[in-house]
Amino acid sequence: MNYSYPIDPSWSTNEIIDVVNYYSLIEKAYEKGVSKQDLIVAYNRYKEIVPSKSEEKQLDKQFEKQSSYVPFRVIKKARELANHDIIKL
C-alpha cells in the first residue's frame, strides 16, 4: 500500500480510526473478501461521520484515485447480495 486514506483534519481520533477501518474493509473486499456484516456496520459508522453525499463522493474519489478501489461498487454489491456472508470483488 503506497497511498494514504482521505482524512479530514477536523475529525476526532475515533472518527479517523473508524474511517480508516471502513476504507480498509473496502480494500479487503477487493483483495480477499470481507464479512458483509462488518462492512455494513463500518459503512453506517462512516455515514455518521460523513453524512453529506457530496462529501462522501469527494472522499471516495480521492480514495479511488490513490488505490483504484471503488467504495461505491463494494457497498452496492453488499446490498445486492442478500444471501451472502462474504463480499468479494
Protein backbone atom coordinates (compact mmCIF):
# COMPACT_ATOMS: atom_id res chain seq x y z
CA MET A 1 0.00 0.00 0.00
CA ASN A 2 1.71 3.16 -1.21
CA TYR A 3 -1.11 5.60 -0.66
CA SER A 4 -2.91 7.36 2.15
CA TYR A 5 -6.54 7.41 3.14
CA PRO A 6 -8.58 10.58 2.68
CA ILE A 7 -8.80 12.16 6.12
CA ASP A 8 -10.49 15.35 7.27
CA PRO A 9 -8.33 17.11 9.89
CA SER A 10 -11.46 18.22 11.75
CA TRP A 11 -12.36 14.62 12.61
CA SER A 12 -11.69 13.27 16.10
CA THR A 13 -9.18 10.46 16.60
CA ASN A 14 -12.01 7.93 16.92
CA GLU A 15 -13.63 9.18 13.72
CA ILE A 16 -10.32 8.86 11.85
CA ILE A 17 -9.93 5.32 13.14
CA ASP A 18 -13.47 4.44 12.01
CA VAL A 19 -12.96 5.94 8.53
CA VAL A 20 -9.63 4.14 8.12
CA ASN A 21 -11.34 0.90 9.19
CA TYR A 22 -14.05 1.45 6.56
CA TYR A 23 -11.54 2.03 3.77
CA SER A 24 -9.51 -0.93 4.97
CA LEU A 25 -12.59 -3.14 4.59
CA ILE A 26 -13.08 -1.79 1.06
CA GLU A 27 -9.52 -2.89 0.27
CA LYS A 28 -10.13 -6.33 1.77
CA ALA A 29 -13.31 -6.73 -0.30
CA TYR A 30 -11.20 -6.39 -3.42
CA GLU A 31 -8.20 -8.38 -2.23
CA LYS A 32 -9.59 -11.40 -0.38
CA GLY A 33 -13.20 -10.83 0.67
CA VAL A 34 -14.80 -9.29 3.72
CA SER A 35 -17.70 -10.03 6.03
CA LYS A 36 -20.83 -8.34 4.75
CA GLN A 37 -21.94 -7.61 8.32
CA ASP A 38 -18.61 -5.95 9.19
CA LEU A 39 -18.75 -3.90 6.00
CA ILE A 40 -22.30 -2.66 6.59
CA VAL A 41 -21.53 -1.73 10.21
CA ALA A 42 -18.40 0.16 9.09
CA TYR A 43 -20.31 1.91 6.28
CA ASN A 44 -23.08 3.00 8.65
CA ARG A 45 -20.46 4.47 11.00
CA TYR A 46 -18.75 6.14 8.04
CA LYS A 47 -22.09 7.75 7.09
CA GLU A 48 -22.43 9.11 10.65
CA ILE A 49 -19.05 10.80 10.22
CA VAL A 50 -19.63 11.82 6.58
CA PRO A 51 -23.39 12.40 6.28
CA SER A 52 -23.15 14.57 3.16
CA LYS A 53 -23.47 12.61 -0.09
CA SER A 54 -21.26 15.13 -1.91
CA GLU A 55 -18.52 14.87 0.71
CA GLU A 56 -18.77 11.06 0.58
CA LYS A 57 -18.33 11.14 -3.20
CA GLN A 58 -15.37 13.51 -2.91
CA LEU A 59 -13.61 11.34 -0.31
CA ASP A 60 -14.35 8.16 -2.25
CA LYS A 61 -12.93 9.69 -5.44
CA GLN A 62 -9.74 10.58 -3.58
CA PHE A 63 -9.52 7.02 -2.27
CA GLU A 64 -10.23 5.55 -5.71
CA LYS A 65 -7.64 7.79 -7.38
CA GLN A 66 -4.94 6.59 -5.00
CA SER A 67 -5.93 2.94 -4.62
CA SER A 68 -8.01 2.07 -7.71
CA TYR A 69 -10.65 0.58 -5.36
CA VAL A 70 -14.21 1.89 -5.76
CA PRO A 71 -16.14 2.00 -2.46
CA PHE A 72 -19.49 2.52 -4.23
CA ARG A 73 -19.16 -0.80 -6.08
CA VAL A 74 -18.43 -2.69 -2.87
CA ILE A 75 -21.39 -1.20 -1.00
CA LYS A 76 -23.68 -1.73 -3.98
CA LYS A 77 -22.67 -5.40 -4.22
CA ALA A 78 -23.18 -5.85 -0.47
CA ARG A 79 -26.72 -4.53 -0.79
CA GLU A 80 -27.49 -6.69 -3.83
CA LEU A 81 -26.22 -9.95 -2.35
CA ALA A 82 -28.77 -10.52 0.38
CA ASN A 83 -27.91 -14.19 0.96
CA HIS A 84 -24.13 -13.87 1.05
CA ASP A 85 -21.97 -13.50 4.15
CA ILE A 86 -18.74 -12.61 2.31
CA ILE A 87 -18.34 -9.79 -0.21
CA LYS A 88 -15.53 -10.08 -2.76
CA LEU A 89 -14.93 -8.16 -5.96
